[in-house]
C-alpha atoms as a PDB file:
ATOM      1  CA  MET A   1      -1.409   9.201 -22.173  1.00  0.00           C
ATOM      2  CA  THR A   2      -1.860  10.879 -25.536  1.00  0.00           C
ATOM      3  CA  LYS A   3       0.885  12.609 -27.468  1.00  0.00           C
ATOM      4  CA  ARG A   4      -0.041  16.106 -28.676  1.00  0.00           C
ATOM      5  CA  THR A   5       1.627  18.719 -30.824  1.00  0.00           C
ATOM      6  CA  ILE A   6       1.044  22.261 -29.574  1.00  0.00           C
ATOM      7  CA  ASP A   7       2.625  25.693 -29.859  1.00  0.00           C
ATOM      8  CA  ILE A   8       3.930  27.038 -26.547  1.00  0.00           C
ATOM      9  CA  ASP A   9       5.142  30.571 -25.849  1.00  0.00           C
ATOM     10  CA  ASP A  10       8.805  30.140 -24.852  1.00  0.00           C
ATOM     11  CA  ASP A  11       8.877  33.126 -22.492  1.00  0.00           C
ATOM     12  CA  LEU A  12       5.757  31.943 -20.704  1.00  0.00           C
ATOM     13  CA  LEU A  13       7.145  28.407 -20.526  1.00  0.00           C
ATOM     14  CA  GLU A  14      10.312  29.701 -18.847  1.00  0.00           C
ATOM     15  CA  GLN A  15       8.284  31.672 -16.296  1.00  0.00           C
ATOM     16  CA  VAL A  16       6.181  28.618 -15.445  1.00  0.00           C
ATOM     17  CA  ARG A  17       9.266  26.390 -15.349  1.00  0.00           C
ATOM     18  CA  ALA A  18      10.917  28.753 -12.867  1.00  0.00           C
ATOM     19  CA  TYR A  19       7.751  28.920 -10.742  1.00  0.00           C
ATOM     20  CA  PHE A  20       7.354  25.134 -10.478  1.00  0.00           C
ATOM     21  CA  GLY A  21      11.083  24.339 -10.504  1.00  0.00           C
ATOM     22  CA  THR A  22      10.751  21.737 -13.250  1.00  0.00           C
ATOM     23  CA  LYS A  23      13.418  20.827 -15.767  1.00  0.00           C
ATOM     24  CA  THR A  24      11.577  19.406 -18.778  1.00  0.00           C
ATOM     25  CA  ILE A  25       8.732  20.779 -20.877  1.00  0.00           C
ATOM     26  CA  LYS A  26       6.650  17.681 -20.171  1.00  0.00           C
ATOM     27  CA  ASP A  27       7.059  18.062 -16.399  1.00  0.00           C
ATOM     28  CA  THR A  28       6.289  21.789 -16.604  1.00  0.00           C
ATOM     29  CA  VAL A  29       3.090  21.284 -18.600  1.00  0.00           C
ATOM     30  CA  ASN A  30       1.924  18.402 -16.382  1.00  0.00           C
ATOM     31  CA  GLU A  31       2.608  20.398 -13.198  1.00  0.00           C
ATOM     32  CA  ALA A  32       0.734  23.411 -14.570  1.00  0.00           C
ATOM     33  CA  LEU A  33      -2.239  21.249 -15.577  1.00  0.00           C
ATOM     34  CA  GLU A  34      -2.357  19.603 -12.135  1.00  0.00           C
ATOM     35  CA  HIS A  35      -2.207  23.034 -10.501  1.00  0.00           C
ATOM     36  CA  VAL A  36      -5.066  24.376 -12.599  1.00  0.00           C
ATOM     37  CA  ALA A  37      -7.117  21.190 -12.134  1.00  0.00           C
ATOM     38  CA  GLY A  38      -6.833  21.612  -8.335  1.00  0.00           C
ATOM     39  CA  ILE A  39      -8.234  25.155  -8.302  1.00  0.00           C
ATOM     40  CA  PRO A  40     -11.914  24.133  -7.847  1.00  0.00           C
ATOM     41  CA  GLU A  41     -10.963  21.969  -4.851  1.00  0.00           C
ATOM     42  CA  ARG A  42      -9.035  24.838  -3.256  1.00  0.00           C
ATOM     43  CA  ILE A  43     -11.938  27.227  -3.895  1.00  0.00           C
ATOM     44  CA  ALA A  44     -14.314  24.738  -2.268  1.00  0.00           C
ATOM     45  CA  ALA A  45     -12.033  24.528   0.784  1.00  0.00           C
ATOM     46  CA  ILE A  46     -11.975  28.331   1.088  1.00  0.00           C
ATOM     47  CA  GLU A  47     -15.764  28.484   0.786  1.00  0.00           C
ATOM     48  CA  TRP A  48     -16.062  25.804   3.492  1.00  0.00           C
ATOM     49  CA  TRP A  49     -13.895  27.863   5.872  1.00  0.00           C
ATOM     50  CA  LYS A  50     -16.068  30.907   5.181  1.00  0.00           C
ATOM     51  CA  THR A  51     -19.060  29.028   6.660  1.00  0.00           C
ATOM     52  CA  ASP A  52     -17.350  29.108  10.106  1.00  0.00           C
ATOM     53  CA  PRO A  53     -16.986  25.314  10.544  1.00  0.00           C
ATOM     54  CA  CYS A  54     -15.246  25.620  13.937  1.00  0.00           C
ATOM     55  CA  PRO A  55     -17.069  28.217  16.036  1.00  0.00           C
ATOM     56  CA  ASP A  56     -15.298  26.888  19.134  1.00  0.00           C
ATOM     57  CA  LEU A  57     -12.125  28.633  17.965  1.00  0.00           C
ATOM     58  CA  ARG A  58     -13.821  31.973  18.734  1.00  0.00           C
ATOM     59  CA  ASN A  59     -15.146  30.838  22.134  1.00  0.00           C
ATOM     60  CA  LYS A  60     -12.771  32.317  24.741  1.00  0.00           C
ATOM     61  CA  ARG A  61     -13.782  29.886  27.501  1.00  0.00           C
ATOM     62  CA  ILE A  62     -13.084  26.834  25.355  1.00  0.00           C
ATOM     63  CA  MET A  63      -9.800  28.197  24.030  1.00  0.00           C
ATOM     64  CA  ARG A  64      -8.612  29.168  27.533  1.00  0.00           C
ATOM     65  CA  ARG A  65      -9.128  25.579  28.661  1.00  0.00           C
ATOM     66  CA  ALA A  66      -7.345  24.310  25.551  1.00  0.00           C
ATOM     67  CA  TRP A  67      -4.258  26.426  26.337  1.00  0.00           C
ATOM     68  CA  ARG A  68      -4.069  25.848  30.100  1.00  0.00           C
ATOM     69  CA  LYS A  69      -0.648  25.693  31.721  1.00  0.00           C
ATOM     70  CA  ARG A  70       1.337  22.507  31.437  1.00  0.00           C
ATOM     71  CA  PRO A  71       1.723  20.279  34.464  1.00  0.00           C
ATOM     72  CA  THR A  72       4.780  20.942  36.632  1.00  0.00           C
ATOM     73  CA  PHE A  73       5.799  17.287  36.759  1.00  0.00           C
ATOM     74  CA  TRP A  74       6.950  17.346  33.115  1.00  0.00           C
ATOM     75  CA  SER A  75      10.475  18.639  33.449  1.00  0.00           C
ATOM     76  CA  THR A  76      12.116  17.587  30.192  1.00  0.00           C
ATOM     77  CA  LYS A  77      11.178  18.488  26.646  1.00  0.00           C
ATOM     78  CA  ALA A  78      10.949  14.842  25.638  1.00  0.00           C
ATOM     79  CA  ARG A  79       8.406  14.061  28.323  1.00  0.00           C
ATOM     80  CA  LEU A  80       6.416  17.147  27.434  1.00  0.00           C
ATOM     81  CA  LEU A  81       6.342  16.219  23.753  1.00  0.00           C
ATOM     82  CA  ASP A  82       5.283  12.676  24.652  1.00  0.00           C
ATOM     83  CA  TYR A  83       2.506  14.070  26.803  1.00  0.00           C
ATOM     84  CA  ILE A  84       1.290  16.441  24.096  1.00  0.00           C
ATOM     85  CA  SER A  85       1.294  13.790  21.393  1.00  0.00           C
ATOM     86  CA  TYR A  86      -0.584  11.437  23.731  1.00  0.00           C
ATOM     87  CA  ARG A  87      -3.217  14.107  24.470  1.00  0.00           C
ATOM     88  CA  LEU A  88      -3.605  14.925  20.795  1.00  0.00           C
ATOM     89  CA  ARG A  89      -4.051  11.277  19.831  1.00  0.00           C
ATOM     90  CA  LYS A  90      -6.527  10.656  22.628  1.00  0.00           C
ATOM     91  CA  PHE A  91      -8.659  13.793  22.698  1.00  0.00           C
ATOM     92  CA  TRP A  92      -8.198  15.787  19.500  1.00  0.00           C
ATOM     93  CA  ARG A  93     -11.107  15.660  17.096  1.00  0.00           C
ATOM     94  CA  PRO A  94     -11.158  17.500  13.770  1.00  0.00           C
ATOM     95  CA  CYS A  95     -13.759  20.200  13.420  1.00  0.00           C
END
């Protein structure tokens, strides 16, 4: 890590500090730099979603089967949550 001497607008620093919830100038500047450095990755993710990567989400037949009624033999919430987590682990595949 390199030490640098720079001029920083105090009003702008306070706005950024309040936004990120940081206490020190170093933490504020580092958080802001990390945020700005992550912008291209977030833009790429948005562009990827624009290409319609999961067309099944718009297919009514597939989505109706995905949201079918739960079995009647699961009477308690705990059993239902166990069942759902089991189904997700076994059958869920990312798009």
